[in-house]
Amino acid sequence: MAANLNKIEEDFLEAKNNWELEKLYVDLASAKGKALTPVEKKFLRGLLCGFSPAEIANAVYKSRSSSTVRVYLSNGLYKYIEDMLSNQEGSSIKVKNWSRVTQLLEKAGYKKGWFQIDVTNNQIITTEKNKADFDTMKTAQRQDWGEAIDVSKFYGRTSELASLSEWIVQERCRLVVLLGMGGIGKTALSVKLAEAIKENFEFVIWRSLSLAPPLEVILNQLISLLSPEAHIQSTESVERNISQLIECLRSSRCLIVLDGVDSILSNGNDTDLVREYPLSMPASNPDVKNPSGYVTKQIRYLKGYENYGELIRRLGDSQHQSCLVLTSREKPQEIAALQGKKLPVRSWKLTGLSNAESWQILKEKGFTDSDESECRVLIEWYAGNPLFLKLVATTIQELFAGNIYEFLEQGTVVFGDIRAILDEQFYRLSNLEKQIMHWLALNRNLISVRKLQKEIIPRVSQRLILEAIELLQRRSLIERSASSFAQTPVLIEYIAERLIEENFKNQDKSGYSLMSQTIFEAQLKNHIREIRLDAEM
């Protein structure tokens, strides 16, 4: 019996590192009317470590059935916690679910190094003990912003910030992905979001993946910051280091932002990927159901970076009290299986800023006295993309002396850095995805996927069409709009330019092509002009 008691007392001992356990035992015993049993103490420590009832059952009983643990919690600990906190606050406090226990106890002051907080009014109770030390620790030791950009000039995104904050703080999402095409403002939003909700976390860590650091480097940095006393062995497997990180995320409430996940995703031309045959070179063993030779390029990681997928999957799957925020132009394949509107893994696709918010950018660039209608056209052309608006505003100031009308009249929308950003995303596409992008740009009123399958040349199976459209959505290049798929005006312009360039390249040496370059370019530009007029009406 003594041996069993010692074993019970050994479970979830890491809770001692972050919680005033002895004080909590005494206060709960007072609410209960007698001392907590060893089993109750053990289950309490499990909750304080961020374990769910099912995970506690698995750790203690090696069983997936959590009925015993849930009975202990519902009939015992939850009631003691409710009575204890209600007596302290003078009003009714309820434990709605197991994940709320740590939040309530943290606000009540049972977490080491934190001020006591009024649970009902969310107000700090003025206990001046070590206030200066606490503030210094909070700002200097518990926040690491890496190379986060300056967001003192930040435009709009009020509704996005409110919804994302609710997901993370109130609904306790474990993994949130911010998606959007290049320049749309994912990085700025991730920094602004972290600044807005940082008070709800013990640790805030922001890291950029733009230089594609190996996962081992990121894991070592995170674990060293979250658990300085931990000994990280370079010989340990990545899987073990991920487990060590999850333990940190369970014992402390952490916010981690990894910006630019698309930097570690394949550009589609790695030698280990499935070969995609060009239209003029069908496979040696062609599939009779796919005579075109088309295949799709799934969103994959760069060679040697596949373990990032394991990190994302495990942090989304495992129970913990922290949140990982990712930004990317493309949705990693692990997210699709994990995410859901009511699940702790969710994604948010960013679109352009509103006219009013975009107008603020132009004003900051010096267009305070410009014609409002001209500015509106400029904003519509670039679909409120903040980076594109900043780039084109600089060009108008430098090359057109600030004359927006003169810039609009010259007709070139995609150039310079804007073209480079779109090239980078378009380069990742398979031939079939490019073909669909061309078709959608020239046929704005797509009624159904079936119609696309019938009209696209060469004919492609329905399966491949569905896969390609899904990939284009995951790459943030098309949006579902009512009964059709939409592209931004700047993308349509970009695709039109590519079509003109490709038609020119396809001319044979004699200068002959199916359609002369002059006629083709004139017809295509007329078509795009009509699309512009429709958009501006």
Protein backbone atom coordinates (compact mmCIF):
# COMPACT_ATOMS: atom_id res chain seq x y z
CA MET A 1 0.00 0.00 0.00
CA ALA A 2 2.86 2.36 0.85
CA ALA A 3 4.48 1.59 -2.52
CA ASN A 4 1.23 2.36 -4.35
CA LEU A 5 0.85 5.63 -2.42
CA ASN A 6 4.38 6.68 -3.36
CA LYS A 7 3.63 5.88 -7.00
CA ILE A 8 0.49 8.06 -6.88
CA GLU A 9 2.47 10.93 -5.38
CA GLU A 10 5.04 10.70 -8.20
CA ASP A 11 2.58 11.29 -11.05
CA PHE A 12 2.53 14.73 -12.73
CA LEU A 13 5.10 16.19 -10.36
CA GLU A 14 6.03 18.87 -12.91
CA ALA A 15 2.93 20.75 -11.72
CA LYS A 16 5.02 21.80 -8.69
CA ASN A 17 7.24 23.89 -10.94
CA ASN A 18 4.49 26.30 -11.91
CA TRP A 19 1.74 26.06 -9.28
CA GLU A 20 1.40 26.75 -5.55
CA LEU A 21 0.35 23.14 -4.96
CA GLU A 22 0.45 23.02 -1.17
CA LYS A 23 -1.62 26.19 -0.83
CA LEU A 24 -4.08 24.83 -3.39
CA TYR A 25 -4.36 21.50 -1.54
CA VAL A 26 -5.14 23.34 1.72
CA ASP A 27 -7.72 25.70 0.18
CA LEU A 28 -9.48 22.87 -1.67
CA ALA A 29 -9.49 20.77 1.50
CA SER A 30 -11.22 23.66 3.26
CA ALA A 31 -13.86 23.78 0.52
CA LYS A 32 -14.27 20.00 0.65
CA GLY A 33 -14.38 19.81 4.43
CA LYS A 34 -11.55 17.33 4.67
CA ALA A 35 -8.17 16.60 3.06
CA LEU A 36 -7.93 15.68 -0.62
CA THR A 37 -7.21 12.03 -1.28
CA PRO A 38 -3.95 11.09 -3.03
CA VAL A 39 -5.93 10.20 -6.18
CA GLU A 40 -7.67 13.60 -6.18
CA LYS A 41 -4.32 15.33 -5.81
CA LYS A 42 -2.91 13.30 -8.67
CA PHE A 43 -5.81 14.15 -11.01
CA LEU A 44 -5.54 17.81 -10.03
CA ARG A 45 -1.83 17.82 -10.92
CA GLY A 46 -2.69 16.22 -14.25
CA LEU A 47 -5.14 19.03 -15.03
CA LEU A 48 -2.57 21.64 -14.01
CA CYS A 49 -0.12 20.09 -16.48
CA GLY A 50 -2.65 20.60 -19.26
CA PHE A 51 -3.74 16.96 -19.58
CA SER A 52 -7.31 16.11 -20.58
CA PRO A 53 -9.26 13.43 -18.64
CA ALA A 54 -8.53 10.96 -21.44
CA GLU A 55 -4.80 11.72 -21.32
CA ILE A 56 -4.78 11.41 -17.52
CA ALA A 57 -6.50 8.02 -17.81
CA ASN A 58 -3.97 6.89 -20.40
CA ALA A 59 -1.02 8.05 -18.28
CA VAL A 60 -2.31 6.57 -15.00
CA TYR A 61 -4.30 3.48 -16.03
CA LYS A 62 -2.85 2.83 -19.49
CA SER A 63 -6.42 2.87 -20.73
CA ARG A 64 -8.25 4.98 -23.30
CA SER A 65 -11.40 4.91 -21.19
CA SER A 66 -11.63 8.11 -19.17
CA SER A 67 -14.91 7.33 -17.36
CA THR A 68 -13.24 6.78 -13.96
CA VAL A 69 -11.27 10.01 -14.18
CA ARG A 70 -14.33 12.00 -15.32
CA VAL A 71 -16.38 10.70 -12.38
CA TYR A 72 -13.67 11.77 -9.92
CA LEU A 73 -13.53 15.20 -11.53
CA SER A 74 -17.27 15.84 -11.92
CA ASN A 75 -18.28 14.52 -8.50
CA GLY A 76 -15.28 15.87 -6.64
CA LEU A 77 -12.57 18.25 -7.84
CA TYR A 78 -14.75 20.45 -10.06
CA LYS A 79 -17.18 21.03 -7.16
CA TYR A 80 -14.38 21.78 -4.71
CA ILE A 81 -12.82 24.29 -7.13
CA GLU A 82 -16.21 25.94 -7.77
CA ASP A 83 -16.94 26.23 -4.03
CA MET A 84 -13.46 27.52 -3.24
CA LEU A 85 -13.48 30.22 -5.96
CA SER A 86 -17.11 31.18 -5.33
CA ASN A 87 -16.34 31.72 -1.63
CA GLN A 88 -13.29 33.82 -2.51
CA GLU A 89 -15.15 36.02 -5.00
CA GLY A 90 -18.56 36.16 -3.37
CA SER A 91 -20.28 35.09 -6.58
CA SER A 92 -20.97 31.84 -8.41
CA ILE A 93 -18.02 30.41 -10.39
CA LYS A 94 -18.54 27.37 -12.61
CA VAL A 95 -16.06 24.92 -14.12
CA LYS A 96 -17.60 24.41 -17.56
CA ASN A 97 -14.98 21.94 -18.77
CA TRP A 98 -11.62 20.52 -17.77
CA SER A 99 -9.60 23.09 -19.79
CA ARG A 100 -11.13 25.97 -17.78
CA VAL A 101 -9.57 24.73 -14.52
CA THR A 102 -6.09 26.14 -15.20
CA GLN A 103 -7.52 29.43 -16.46
CA LEU A 104 -9.63 29.92 -13.32
CA LEU A 105 -6.88 28.91 -10.91
CA GLU A 106 -4.33 31.07 -12.71
CA LYS A 107 -6.59 34.12 -12.41
CA ALA A 108 -7.17 33.31 -8.75
CA GLY A 109 -3.44 33.61 -8.09
CA TYR A 110 -2.38 29.97 -7.65
CA LYS A 111 0.20 30.09 -10.41
CA LYS A 112 3.72 30.98 -9.34
CA GLY A 113 4.86 34.50 -10.22
CA TRP A 114 1.41 35.80 -11.17
CA PHE A 115 -0.77 38.41 -9.47
CA GLN A 116 -4.09 37.33 -8.05
CA ILE A 117 -6.94 38.33 -10.38
CA ASP A 118 -10.64 38.81 -9.68
CA VAL A 119 -12.20 35.91 -11.60
CA THR A 120 -15.55 37.63 -12.16
CA ASN A 121 -14.32 41.11 -13.12
CA ASN A 122 -10.92 40.13 -14.57
CA GLN A 123 -9.28 42.85 -12.44
CA ILE A 124 -5.88 42.59 -10.75
CA ILE A 125 -6.09 42.52 -6.96
CA THR A 126 -3.35 44.84 -5.80
CA THR A 127 -0.73 42.63 -4.21
CA GLU A 128 2.47 44.63 -4.54
CA LYS A 129 4.79 41.75 -3.76
CA ASN A 130 7.64 41.74 -6.28
CA LYS A 131 5.58 43.88 -8.69
CA ALA A 132 8.65 45.52 -10.24
CA ASP A 133 10.44 42.19 -10.55
CA PHE A 134 7.37 40.62 -12.10
CA ASP A 135 6.98 43.39 -14.69
CA THR A 136 10.65 43.14 -15.61
CA MET A 137 10.44 39.35 -15.97
CA LYS A 138 7.27 39.62 -18.02
CA THR A 139 8.66 42.09 -20.56
CA ALA A 140 12.31 41.07 -20.67
CA GLN A 141 12.36 37.34 -20.00
CA ARG A 142 9.06 36.02 -21.23
CA GLN A 143 8.77 37.71 -24.61
CA ASP A 144 11.09 37.05 -27.54
CA TRP A 145 10.04 38.78 -30.76
CA GLY A 146 12.94 37.63 -32.93
CA GLU A 147 12.82 39.56 -36.23
CA ALA A 148 9.19 40.65 -35.90
CA ILE A 149 8.41 43.71 -38.02
CA ASP A 150 7.29 47.10 -36.68
CA VAL A 151 3.48 47.35 -36.74
CA SER A 152 3.11 50.82 -35.27
CA LYS A 153 1.56 51.71 -38.65
CA PHE A 154 -1.15 49.09 -38.99
CA TYR A 155 -4.27 49.41 -41.12
CA GLY A 156 -7.66 47.85 -40.50
CA ARG A 157 -8.11 44.14 -39.72
CA THR A 158 -10.33 44.99 -36.74
CA SER A 159 -12.76 42.13 -37.31
CA GLU A 160 -9.96 39.67 -38.06
CA LEU A 161 -8.14 40.58 -34.83
CA ALA A 162 -11.34 40.25 -32.80
CA SER A 163 -12.21 36.83 -34.23
CA LEU A 164 -8.68 35.44 -34.00
CA SER A 165 -8.33 36.69 -30.42
CA GLU A 166 -11.57 34.94 -29.50
CA TRP A 167 -10.38 31.70 -31.11
CA ILE A 168 -7.12 31.74 -29.18
CA VAL A 169 -8.04 33.27 -25.81
CA GLN A 170 -11.66 32.28 -25.22
CA GLU A 171 -11.98 29.12 -27.31
CA ARG A 172 -8.42 27.93 -26.55
CA CYS A 173 -7.42 26.95 -30.08
CA ARG A 174 -4.13 25.06 -30.14
CA LEU A 175 -3.18 25.79 -33.75
CA VAL A 176 -4.23 28.70 -35.99
CA VAL A 177 -3.04 29.24 -39.57
CA LEU A 178 -3.15 32.63 -41.30
CA LEU A 179 -3.32 32.10 -45.07
CA GLY A 180 -3.20 34.52 -47.99
CA MET A 181 -1.39 35.41 -51.18
CA GLY A 182 1.89 37.31 -51.11
CA GLY A 183 1.70 40.87 -49.80
CA ILE A 184 -1.73 40.50 -48.21
CA GLY A 185 -0.42 41.27 -44.69
CA LYS A 186 -0.08 37.92 -42.91
CA THR A 187 3.18 38.81 -41.16
CA ALA A 188 1.92 42.19 -39.92
CA LEU A 189 -1.32 40.63 -38.66
CA SER A 190 0.57 37.88 -36.82
CA VAL A 191 2.67 40.48 -34.95
CA LYS A 192 -0.34 42.69 -34.19
CA LEU A 193 -2.32 39.68 -32.99
CA ALA A 194 0.50 38.53 -30.69
CA GLU A 195 0.81 42.04 -29.26
CA ALA A 196 -2.96 42.21 -28.67
CA ILE A 197 -3.22 38.95 -26.71
CA LYS A 198 0.23 38.67 -25.11
CA GLU A 199 -1.12 39.42 -21.62
CA ASN A 200 -2.93 36.08 -21.69
CA PHE A 201 0.32 34.11 -21.99
CA GLU A 202 3.38 33.47 -19.89
CA PHE A 203 5.60 33.23 -22.96
CA VAL A 204 5.33 34.93 -26.34
CA ILE A 205 7.83 33.83 -29.00
CA TRP A 206 7.84 35.06 -32.62
CA ARG A 207 10.08 33.44 -35.23
CA SER A 208 10.51 33.87 -38.98
CA LEU A 209 11.09 30.84 -41.21
CA SER A 210 12.07 32.99 -44.21
CA LEU A 211 15.64 31.64 -44.13
CA ALA A 212 14.33 28.06 -43.82
CA PRO A 213 16.05 27.09 -40.54
CA PRO A 214 16.15 23.34 -39.84
CA LEU A 215 13.52 22.22 -37.35
CA GLU A 216 16.24 21.19 -34.89
CA VAL A 217 17.34 24.83 -34.63
CA ILE A 218 13.79 26.09 -33.99
CA LEU A 219 13.11 23.36 -31.41
CA ASN A 220 16.32 24.10 -29.55
CA GLN A 221 15.48 27.81 -29.42
CA LEU A 222 11.94 27.22 -28.22
CA ILE A 223 12.81 24.67 -25.55
CA SER A 224 15.71 26.80 -24.27
CA LEU A 225 13.39 29.79 -23.88
CA LEU A 226 10.46 27.88 -22.37
CA SER A 227 12.49 25.64 -20.09
CA PRO A 228 15.97 27.08 -19.47
CA GLU A 229 16.81 24.28 -17.04
CA ALA A 230 16.16 21.62 -19.71
CA HIS A 231 19.16 19.76 -21.09
CA ILE A 232 18.85 19.45 -24.86
CA GLN A 233 20.93 16.68 -26.34
CA SER A 234 21.91 17.06 -29.99
CA THR A 235 21.81 13.27 -30.26
CA GLU A 236 18.12 13.13 -29.36
CA SER A 237 15.64 12.52 -32.13
CA VAL A 238 13.41 15.27 -33.48
CA GLU A 239 10.41 13.26 -32.23
CA ARG A 240 11.79 13.35 -28.69
CA ASN A 241 12.45 17.11 -28.90
CA ILE A 242 8.89 17.67 -30.14
CA SER A 243 7.65 15.69 -27.12
CA GLN A 244 9.81 17.86 -24.87
CA LEU A 245 8.31 20.99 -26.45
CA ILE A 246 4.77 19.67 -25.91
CA GLU A 247 5.59 19.14 -22.21
CA CYS A 248 6.60 22.82 -22.04
CA LEU A 249 3.36 23.86 -23.75
CA ARG A 250 1.39 21.84 -21.20
CA SER A 251 3.12 23.23 -18.13
CA SER A 252 2.99 26.88 -19.27
CA ARG A 253 0.60 28.93 -21.38
CA CYS A 254 2.65 29.87 -24.44
CA LEU A 255 2.02 31.73 -27.68
CA ILE A 256 4.39 30.76 -30.48
CA VAL A 257 4.27 32.36 -33.94
CA LEU A 258 6.12 30.81 -36.90
CA ASP A 259 5.96 33.21 -39.82
CA GLY A 260 6.47 32.22 -43.48
CA VAL A 261 5.82 28.48 -43.49
CA ASP A 262 5.73 28.62 -47.30
CA SER A 263 9.52 29.16 -47.17
CA ILE A 264 9.94 25.50 -46.22
CA LEU A 265 7.39 24.20 -48.73
CA SER A 266 8.48 22.76 -52.06
CA ASN A 267 8.34 24.88 -55.19
CA GLY A 268 7.11 21.81 -57.05
CA ASN A 269 10.35 21.06 -58.89
CA ASP A 270 12.16 18.83 -56.40
CA THR A 271 13.58 15.69 -57.93
CA ASP A 272 11.81 13.51 -55.37
CA LEU A 273 8.37 14.67 -56.51
CA VAL A 274 6.20 12.82 -58.99
CA ARG A 275 7.19 13.79 -62.50
CA GLU A 276 4.74 15.94 -64.40
CA TYR A 277 4.84 15.32 -68.13
CA PRO A 278 4.57 18.35 -70.40
CA LEU A 279 1.59 18.45 -72.72
CA SER A 280 3.68 17.52 -75.75
CA MET A 281 5.38 14.55 -74.01
CA PRO A 282 2.88 12.00 -72.64
CA ALA A 283 4.10 9.33 -70.27
CA SER A 284 5.59 6.14 -71.69
CA ASN A 285 2.77 4.21 -70.02
CA PRO A 286 -0.08 6.72 -70.32
CA ASP A 287 -3.15 6.26 -68.20
CA VAL A 288 -6.05 5.73 -70.58
CA LYS A 289 -8.24 7.73 -68.20
CA ASN A 290 -5.76 10.58 -68.28
CA PRO A 291 -4.52 10.82 -71.89
CA SER A 292 -3.36 14.41 -71.36
CA GLY A 293 -0.54 13.26 -69.05
CA TYR A 294 -1.61 15.80 -66.41
CA VAL A 295 -0.84 15.19 -62.75
CA THR A 296 -1.23 17.51 -59.77
CA LYS A 297 1.59 18.72 -57.52
CA GLN A 298 0.58 18.30 -53.90
CA ILE A 299 1.76 20.84 -51.35
CA ARG A 300 4.85 19.23 -49.83
CA TYR A 301 7.81 20.22 -47.71
CA LEU A 302 11.28 20.84 -49.06
CA LYS A 303 13.51 17.81 -48.89
CA GLY A 304 14.93 17.59 -45.37
CA TYR A 305 12.12 19.70 -43.87
CA GLU A 306 9.42 17.01 -43.71
CA ASN A 307 9.69 16.90 -39.90
CA TYR A 308 8.00 20.33 -39.75
CA GLY A 309 4.88 18.44 -40.80
CA GLU A 310 5.29 16.16 -37.79
CA LEU A 311 5.61 19.21 -35.52
CA ILE A 312 2.41 20.77 -36.91
CA ARG A 313 0.49 17.51 -36.70
CA ARG A 314 1.49 16.76 -33.11
CA LEU A 315 0.91 20.29 -31.81
CA GLY A 316 -2.52 20.23 -33.42
CA ASP A 317 -3.35 16.73 -32.21
CA SER A 318 -1.93 16.82 -28.67
CA GLN A 319 -3.71 18.36 -25.72
CA HIS A 320 -1.93 21.39 -24.26
CA GLN A 321 -2.78 24.88 -22.99
CA SER A 322 -0.77 26.86 -25.54
CA CYS A 323 -1.23 28.09 -29.11
CA LEU A 324 0.91 27.87 -32.25
CA VAL A 325 0.16 30.48 -34.95
CA LEU A 326 1.47 29.86 -38.48
CA THR A 327 1.45 32.16 -41.51
CA SER A 328 1.72 30.83 -45.04
CA ARG A 329 0.74 31.46 -48.64
CA GLU A 330 -0.13 27.78 -48.91
CA LYS A 331 -1.98 25.54 -46.48
CA PRO A 332 0.20 22.62 -45.25
CA GLN A 333 -1.46 19.28 -45.87
CA GLU A 334 -1.63 18.42 -42.14
CA ILE A 335 -3.99 21.34 -41.49
CA ALA A 336 -6.75 20.10 -43.81
CA ALA A 337 -7.25 16.93 -41.75
CA LEU A 338 -7.08 18.67 -38.36
CA GLN A 339 -9.05 21.88 -38.86
CA GLY A 340 -12.75 22.55 -38.27
CA LYS A 341 -15.05 25.39 -37.23
CA LYS A 342 -15.57 23.83 -33.79
CA LEU A 343 -12.17 22.17 -33.48
CA PRO A 344 -9.03 23.51 -31.76
CA VAL A 345 -7.24 23.74 -35.14
CA ARG A 346 -8.48 26.44 -37.51
CA SER A 347 -7.37 28.49 -40.51
CA TRP A 348 -8.17 32.05 -41.55
CA LYS A 349 -7.74 33.20 -45.15
CA LEU A 350 -6.89 36.88 -45.45
CA THR A 351 -8.35 38.97 -48.25
CA GLY A 352 -7.61 42.57 -49.21
CA LEU A 353 -8.24 45.64 -47.08
CA SER A 354 -11.45 47.62 -47.44
CA ASN A 355 -11.54 50.82 -49.51
CA ALA A 356 -11.35 52.98 -46.39
CA GLU A 357 -8.39 51.02 -44.99
CA SER A 358 -6.59 51.02 -48.35
CA TRP A 359 -7.19 54.75 -48.66
CA GLN A 360 -5.26 55.22 -45.41
CA ILE A 361 -2.22 53.57 -47.02
CA LEU A 362 -2.39 55.93 -50.00
CA LYS A 363 -2.70 58.94 -47.68
CA GLU A 364 0.40 57.80 -45.78
CA LYS A 365 2.17 57.63 -49.14
CA GLY A 366 1.30 61.26 -49.84
CA PHE A 367 -1.90 61.03 -51.92
CA THR A 368 -3.92 63.28 -49.61
CA ASP A 369 -5.34 65.51 -52.36
CA SER A 370 -5.82 62.87 -55.07
CA ASP A 371 -9.08 62.30 -56.87
CA GLU A 372 -11.16 59.84 -54.87
CA SER A 373 -12.46 57.98 -57.94
CA GLU A 374 -8.91 57.45 -59.23
CA CYS A 375 -7.82 56.10 -55.85
CA ARG A 376 -10.83 53.78 -55.79
CA VAL A 377 -9.87 52.35 -59.20
CA LEU A 378 -6.29 51.85 -58.00
CA ILE A 379 -7.52 50.03 -54.88
CA GLU A 380 -9.85 47.81 -56.94
CA TRP A 381 -7.09 46.92 -59.40
CA TYR A 382 -4.89 45.65 -56.57
CA ALA A 383 -7.82 44.25 -54.53
CA GLY A 384 -6.72 46.05 -51.37
CA ASN A 385 -3.41 44.16 -51.20
CA PRO A 386 -1.44 46.40 -48.78
CA LEU A 387 2.03 45.57 -50.12
CA PHE A 388 0.98 46.00 -53.76
CA LEU A 389 -0.62 49.37 -52.94
CA LYS A 390 2.56 50.55 -51.21
CA LEU A 391 4.73 49.45 -54.13
CA VAL A 392 2.55 51.02 -56.82
CA ALA A 393 2.16 54.22 -54.78
CA THR A 394 5.95 54.60 -54.69
CA THR A 395 6.14 54.04 -58.46
CA ILE A 396 3.44 56.66 -59.13
CA GLN A 397 5.26 59.18 -56.96
CA GLU A 398 8.66 58.54 -58.55
CA LEU A 399 7.77 57.99 -62.23
CA PHE A 400 4.47 59.84 -62.67
CA ALA A 401 5.00 62.77 -60.25
CA GLY A 402 2.11 61.53 -58.11
CA ASN A 403 -0.38 61.57 -61.01
CA ILE A 404 -2.60 58.51 -60.52
CA TYR A 405 -4.60 59.20 -63.72
CA GLU A 406 -1.42 59.13 -65.83
CA PHE A 407 -0.43 55.81 -64.30
CA LEU A 408 -3.88 54.31 -64.92
CA GLU A 409 -3.81 55.45 -68.53
CA GLN A 410 -0.54 53.67 -69.34
CA GLY A 411 -2.30 50.38 -68.57
CA THR A 412 0.49 48.28 -67.05
CA VAL A 413 -0.65 46.88 -63.69
CA VAL A 414 1.86 44.12 -62.95
CA PHE A 415 5.54 45.05 -62.85
CA GLY A 416 8.66 44.99 -60.68
CA ASP A 417 8.31 43.45 -57.23
CA ILE A 418 4.61 42.79 -57.79
CA ARG A 419 5.46 40.64 -60.81
CA ALA A 420 8.21 38.85 -58.83
CA ILE A 421 5.79 37.96 -56.00
CA LEU A 422 3.20 36.57 -58.42
CA ASP A 423 5.88 34.73 -60.44
CA GLU A 424 7.03 33.02 -57.27
CA GLN A 425 3.54 31.70 -56.54
CA PHE A 426 2.72 30.82 -60.16
CA TYR A 427 6.00 28.93 -60.51
CA ARG A 428 4.78 26.38 -57.95
CA LEU A 429 1.73 25.39 -60.01
CA SER A 430 1.34 22.26 -62.10
CA ASN A 431 0.48 22.60 -65.80
CA LEU A 432 -3.12 21.72 -65.01
CA GLU A 433 -3.37 24.38 -62.29
CA LYS A 434 -1.92 26.95 -64.70
CA GLN A 435 -4.40 25.89 -67.37
CA ILE A 436 -7.30 26.34 -64.94
CA MET A 437 -5.97 29.74 -63.87
CA HIS A 438 -5.86 30.79 -67.54
CA TRP A 439 -9.39 29.53 -68.13
CA LEU A 440 -10.81 31.22 -65.03
CA ALA A 441 -9.17 34.53 -65.94
CA LEU A 442 -10.87 34.55 -69.33
CA ASN A 443 -14.20 33.05 -68.17
CA ARG A 444 -15.34 34.98 -65.13
CA ASN A 445 -18.79 33.39 -64.92
CA LEU A 446 -17.88 29.78 -64.18
CA ILE A 447 -21.09 28.03 -63.14
CA SER A 448 -19.76 24.65 -62.08
CA VAL A 449 -16.70 22.43 -61.92
CA ARG A 450 -18.43 20.11 -64.40
CA LYS A 451 -18.63 22.93 -66.93
CA LEU A 452 -14.91 23.53 -66.50
CA GLN A 453 -14.20 19.87 -67.17
CA LYS A 454 -16.22 19.98 -70.40
CA GLU A 455 -14.67 23.16 -71.75
CA ILE A 456 -11.01 22.90 -70.76
CA ILE A 457 -8.70 21.60 -73.49
CA PRO A 458 -7.29 18.97 -73.48
CA ARG A 459 -9.98 17.01 -71.64
CA VAL A 460 -9.09 16.03 -68.08
CA SER A 461 -10.76 13.69 -65.61
CA GLN A 462 -13.16 15.11 -63.04
CA ARG A 463 -10.87 13.85 -60.27
CA LEU A 464 -7.90 15.87 -61.52
CA ILE A 465 -10.05 18.98 -61.97
CA LEU A 466 -11.29 18.71 -58.38
CA GLU A 467 -7.77 18.15 -57.05
CA ALA A 468 -6.39 21.11 -58.99
CA ILE A 469 -9.13 23.52 -57.85
CA GLU A 470 -8.70 22.41 -54.25
CA LEU A 471 -4.96 23.03 -54.52
CA LEU A 472 -5.49 26.48 -56.02
CA GLN A 473 -7.71 27.37 -53.08
CA ARG A 474 -5.13 26.04 -50.62
CA ARG A 475 -2.51 28.14 -52.43
CA SER A 476 -4.66 31.28 -51.84
CA LEU A 477 -4.95 31.97 -55.58
CA ILE A 478 -8.71 31.55 -56.06
CA GLU A 479 -11.75 32.09 -53.86
CA ARG A 480 -15.19 30.57 -53.95
CA SER A 481 -17.69 33.37 -54.63
CA ALA A 482 -21.37 32.31 -54.65
CA SER A 483 -21.59 29.86 -57.57
CA SER A 484 -18.26 30.75 -59.18
CA PHE A 485 -14.54 30.90 -58.47
CA ALA A 486 -13.03 34.37 -58.28
CA GLN A 487 -9.58 35.76 -58.98
CA THR A 488 -8.37 39.19 -57.97
CA PRO A 489 -8.08 41.77 -60.79
CA VAL A 490 -4.29 41.96 -60.40
CA LEU A 491 -4.08 38.18 -60.90
CA ILE A 492 -6.22 38.39 -64.04
CA GLU A 493 -3.89 41.09 -65.41
CA TYR A 494 -0.87 38.99 -64.54
CA ILE A 495 -2.26 35.90 -66.26
CA ALA A 496 -3.14 37.92 -69.36
CA GLU A 497 0.45 39.13 -69.60
CA ARG A 498 1.74 35.58 -69.24
CA LEU A 499 -0.59 34.38 -71.99
CA ILE A 500 0.71 37.11 -74.33
CA GLU A 501 4.32 36.19 -73.52
CA GLU A 502 3.71 32.46 -73.95
CA ASN A 503 1.94 33.00 -77.29
CA PHE A 504 4.98 34.93 -78.49
CA LYS A 505 7.37 32.18 -77.36
CA ASN A 506 5.31 29.52 -79.12
CA GLN A 507 5.72 31.11 -82.54
CA ASP A 508 7.92 29.01 -84.79
CA LYS A 509 11.12 30.24 -86.37
CA SER A 510 9.29 31.54 -89.42
CA GLY A 511 7.27 33.85 -87.22
CA TYR A 512 4.05 31.94 -87.86
CA SER A 513 1.68 31.00 -85.04
CA LEU A 514 -1.94 29.90 -84.82
CA MET A 515 -2.81 33.52 -84.12
CA SER A 516 -0.50 36.39 -84.87
CA GLN A 517 1.01 38.02 -81.82
CA THR A 518 -0.48 41.40 -82.69
CA ILE A 519 -4.03 40.07 -83.10
CA PHE A 520 -3.77 37.84 -80.03
CA GLU A 521 -2.46 40.65 -77.82
CA ALA A 522 -5.10 43.11 -79.06
CA GLN A 523 -7.96 40.70 -78.46
CA LEU A 524 -6.73 39.71 -75.03
CA LYS A 525 -6.21 43.31 -73.93
CA ASN A 526 -9.70 44.21 -75.12
CA HIS A 527 -11.07 41.34 -73.06
CA ILE A 528 -9.17 42.46 -69.96
CA ARG A 529 -10.32 46.04 -70.51
CA GLU A 530 -13.93 44.85 -70.47
CA ILE A 531 -13.28 42.99 -67.23
CA ARG A 532 -11.82 46.17 -65.69
CA LEU A 533 -14.85 48.20 -66.71
CA ASP A 534 -17.19 45.59 -65.25
CA ALA A 535 -15.27 45.66 -61.97
CA GLU A 536 -15.33 49.46 -61.77
CA MET A 537 -19.09 49.77 -62.41
